[in-house]
C-alpha atoms as a PDB file:
ATOM      1  CA  UNK A   1     -34.046  26.530 -11.970  1.00  0.00           C
ATOM      2  CA  UNK A   2     -31.686  25.215 -14.652  1.00  0.00           C
ATOM      3  CA  UNK A   3     -29.215  27.993 -13.959  1.00  0.00           C
ATOM      4  CA  UNK A   4     -29.207  27.124 -10.244  1.00  0.00           C
ATOM      5  CA  UNK A   5     -28.534  23.462 -11.002  1.00  0.00           C
ATOM      6  CA  UNK A   6     -25.783  24.446 -13.430  1.00  0.00           C
ATOM      7  CA  UNK A   7     -24.224  26.711 -10.810  1.00  0.00           C
ATOM      8  CA  UNK A   8     -24.337  23.961  -8.191  1.00  0.00           C
ATOM      9  CA  UNK A   9     -22.740  21.497 -10.627  1.00  0.00           C
ATOM     10  CA  UNK A  10     -19.966  23.986 -11.335  1.00  0.00           C
ATOM     11  CA  UNK A  11     -19.383  24.531  -7.611  1.00  0.00           C
ATOM     12  CA  UNK A  12     -19.116  20.761  -7.047  1.00  0.00           C
ATOM     13  CA  UNK A  13     -16.749  20.413 -10.010  1.00  0.00           C
ATOM     14  CA  UNK A  14     -14.445  23.220  -8.889  1.00  0.00           C
ATOM     15  CA  UNK A  15     -14.482  22.000  -5.277  1.00  0.00           C
ATOM     16  CA  UNK A  16     -13.564  18.462  -6.333  1.00  0.00           C
ATOM     17  CA  UNK A  17     -10.826  19.721  -8.658  1.00  0.00           C
ATOM     18  CA  UNK A  18      -9.303  21.619  -5.730  1.00  0.00           C
ATOM     19  CA  UNK A  19      -9.671  18.848  -3.156  1.00  0.00           C
ATOM     20  CA  UNK A  20      -8.315  15.978  -5.282  1.00  0.00           C
ATOM     21  CA  UNK A  21      -4.698  17.188  -5.393  1.00  0.00           C
ATOM     22  CA  UNK A  22      -4.944  18.332  -1.765  1.00  0.00           C
ATOM     23  CA  UNK A  23      -6.005  14.846  -0.635  1.00  0.00           C
ATOM     24  CA  UNK A  24      -3.274  13.265  -2.735  1.00  0.00           C
ATOM     25  CA  UNK A  25      -0.624  15.568  -1.294  1.00  0.00           C
ATOM     26  CA  UNK A  26      -1.740  14.897   2.287  1.00  0.00           C
ATOM     27  CA  UNK A  27      -1.569  11.149   1.606  1.00  0.00           C
ATOM     28  CA  UNK A  28       1.915  11.438   0.123  1.00  0.00           C
ATOM     29  CA  UNK A  29       3.175  13.584   3.021  1.00  0.00           C
ATOM     30  CA  UNK A  30       1.797  11.107   5.575  1.00  0.00           C
ATOM     31  CA  UNK A  31       3.447   8.271   3.677  1.00  0.00           C
ATOM     32  CA  UNK A  32       6.800  10.055   3.602  1.00  0.00           C
ATOM     33  CA  UNK A  33       6.673  10.989   7.303  1.00  0.00           C
ATOM     34  CA  UNK A  34       5.754   7.422   8.276  1.00  0.00           C
ATOM     35  CA  UNK A  35       8.582   5.991   6.194  1.00  0.00           C
ATOM     36  CA  UNK A  36      11.159   8.377   7.675  1.00  0.00           C
ATOM     37  CA  UNK A  37       9.953   7.772  11.244  1.00  0.00           C
ATOM     38  CA  UNK A  38      10.066   4.001  10.788  1.00  0.00           C
ATOM     39  CA  UNK A  39      13.479   4.101   9.119  1.00  0.00           C
ATOM     40  CA  UNK A  40      14.834   6.161  12.021  1.00  0.00           C
ATOM     41  CA  UNK A  41      13.276   3.728  14.514  1.00  0.00           C
ATOM     42  CA  UNK A  42      14.835   0.802  12.650  1.00  0.00           C
ATOM     43  CA  UNK A  43      18.305   2.350  12.796  1.00  0.00           C
ATOM     44  CA  UNK A  44      17.851   3.036  16.523  1.00  0.00           C
ATOM     45  CA  UNK A  45      17.222  -0.693  16.911  1.00  0.00           C
ATOM     46  CA  UNK A  46      13.589  -0.461  17.965  1.00  0.00           C
ATOM     47  CA  UNK A  47      11.368  -3.484  17.554  1.00  0.00           C
ATOM     48  CA  UNK A  48       7.841  -3.733  16.145  1.00  0.00           C
ATOM     49  CA  UNK A  49       8.090  -0.930  13.629  1.00  0.00           C
ATOM     50  CA  UNK A  50       5.997  -2.904  11.160  1.00  0.00           C
ATOM     51  CA  UNK A  51       2.742  -2.008  12.908  1.00  0.00           C
ATOM     52  CA  UNK A  52       3.697   1.672  12.988  1.00  0.00           C
ATOM     53  CA  UNK A  53       4.535   1.621   9.281  1.00  0.00           C
ATOM     54  CA  UNK A  54       1.318  -0.240   8.462  1.00  0.00           C
ATOM     55  CA  UNK A  55      -0.671   2.350  10.443  1.00  0.00           C
ATOM     56  CA  UNK A  56       0.962   5.199   8.494  1.00  0.00           C
ATOM     57  CA  UNK A  57       0.348   3.442   5.182  1.00  0.00           C
ATOM     58  CA  UNK A  58      -3.297   2.827   6.073  1.00  0.00           C
ATOM     59  CA  UNK A  59      -3.813   6.491   6.963  1.00  0.00           C
ATOM     60  CA  UNK A  60      -2.120   7.627   3.744  1.00  0.00           C
ATOM     61  CA  UNK A  61      -4.287   5.238   1.726  1.00  0.00           C
ATOM     62  CA  UNK A  62      -7.413   6.679   3.347  1.00  0.00           C
ATOM     63  CA  UNK A  63      -6.554  10.138   2.016  1.00  0.00           C
ATOM     64  CA  UNK A  64      -5.651   8.740  -1.400  1.00  0.00           C
ATOM     65  CA  UNK A  65      -8.928   6.808  -1.470  1.00  0.00           C
ATOM     66  CA  UNK A  66     -10.816   9.993  -0.646  1.00  0.00           C
ATOM     67  CA  UNK A  67      -9.124  11.706  -3.588  1.00  0.00           C
ATOM     68  CA  UNK A  68     -10.119   8.807  -5.861  1.00  0.00           C
ATOM     69  CA  UNK A  69     -13.738   9.048  -4.725  1.00  0.00           C
ATOM     70  CA  UNK A  70     -13.738  12.762  -5.525  1.00  0.00           C
ATOM     71  CA  UNK A  71     -12.228  11.924  -8.915  1.00  0.00           C
ATOM     72  CA  UNK A  72     -15.240   9.684  -9.574  1.00  0.00           C
ATOM     73  CA  UNK A  73     -17.445  12.772  -9.299  1.00  0.00           C
ATOM     74  CA  UNK A  74     -15.623  14.215 -12.300  1.00  0.00           C
ATOM     75  CA  UNK A  75     -15.700  11.032 -14.418  1.00  0.00           C
ATOM     76  CA  UNK A  76     -16.890  11.783 -17.936  1.00  0.00           C
ATOM     77  CA  UNK A  77     -17.600   8.334 -19.353  1.00  0.00           C
ATOM     78  CA  UNK A  78     -18.079   4.691 -18.358  1.00  0.00           C
ATOM     79  CA  UNK A  79     -14.533   3.672 -19.258  1.00  0.00           C
ATOM     80  CA  UNK A  80     -13.025   6.279 -16.942  1.00  0.00           C
ATOM     81  CA  UNK A  81     -15.541   5.366 -14.243  1.00  0.00           C
ATOM     82  CA  UNK A  82     -14.590   1.693 -14.546  1.00  0.00           C
ATOM     83  CA  UNK A  83     -10.875   2.446 -14.237  1.00  0.00           C
ATOM     84  CA  UNK A  84     -11.490   4.633 -11.197  1.00  0.00           C
ATOM     85  CA  UNK A  85     -13.716   1.938  -9.692  1.00  0.00           C
ATOM     86  CA  UNK A  86     -10.941  -0.636 -10.007  1.00  0.00           C
ATOM     87  CA  UNK A  87      -8.548   1.811  -8.328  1.00  0.00           C
ATOM     88  CA  UNK A  88     -10.997   2.340  -5.470  1.00  0.00           C
ATOM     89  CA  UNK A  89     -11.402  -1.412  -4.971  1.00  0.00           C
ATOM     90  CA  UNK A  90      -7.609  -1.840  -4.859  1.00  0.00           C
ATOM     91  CA  UNK A  91      -7.297   1.001  -2.325  1.00  0.00           C
ATOM     92  CA  UNK A  92     -10.008  -0.535  -0.152  1.00  0.00           C
ATOM     93  CA  UNK A  93      -8.389  -3.986  -0.238  1.00  0.00           C
ATOM     94  CA  UNK A  94      -4.987  -2.539   0.658  1.00  0.00           C
ATOM     95  CA  UNK A  95      -6.498  -0.541   3.496  1.00  0.00           C
ATOM     96  CA  UNK A  96      -8.282  -3.599   4.886  1.00  0.00           C
ATOM     97  CA  UNK A  97      -5.090  -5.655   4.712  1.00  0.00           C
ATOM     98  CA  UNK A  98      -3.104  -2.924   6.444  1.00  0.00           C
ATOM     99  CA  UNK A  99      -5.717  -2.542   9.174  1.00  0.00           C
ATOM    100  CA  UNK A 100      -5.533  -6.295   9.722  1.00  0.00           C
ATOM    101  CA  UNK A 101      -1.729  -6.028   9.960  1.00  0.00           C
ATOM    102  CA  UNK A 102      -2.004  -3.222  12.524  1.00  0.00           C
ATOM    103  CA  UNK A 103      -4.539  -5.225  14.526  1.00  0.00           C
ATOM    104  CA  UNK A 104      -2.290  -8.308  14.546  1.00  0.00           C
ATOM    105  CA  UNK A 105       0.745  -6.174  15.411  1.00  0.00           C
ATOM    106  CA  UNK A 106      -0.950  -4.850  18.545  1.00  0.00           C
ATOM    107  CA  UNK A 107      -1.723  -8.358  19.830  1.00  0.00           C
END
């Protein structure tokens, strides 16, 4: 039974170690694409690009938040867990603010 639990723990650890950088990369790519699209729209003279940029930022933050949550699985001590917890709270607050911005931009 202990070997099964150890195997499952190792599977979770390896899976999280693989998914963390993947989630971070997806978030960064979304952020870059959103910034380029909004910059191009700005230079074309389009209006209301703020909501589009806020939507892209919110989506990117969702992926980055997911990576942070997976990182919590691998936390080794309380200090690291506390630092990660603060990062998660900041991500959540930013996401809520951006969703509010998108909602106000659509009105």
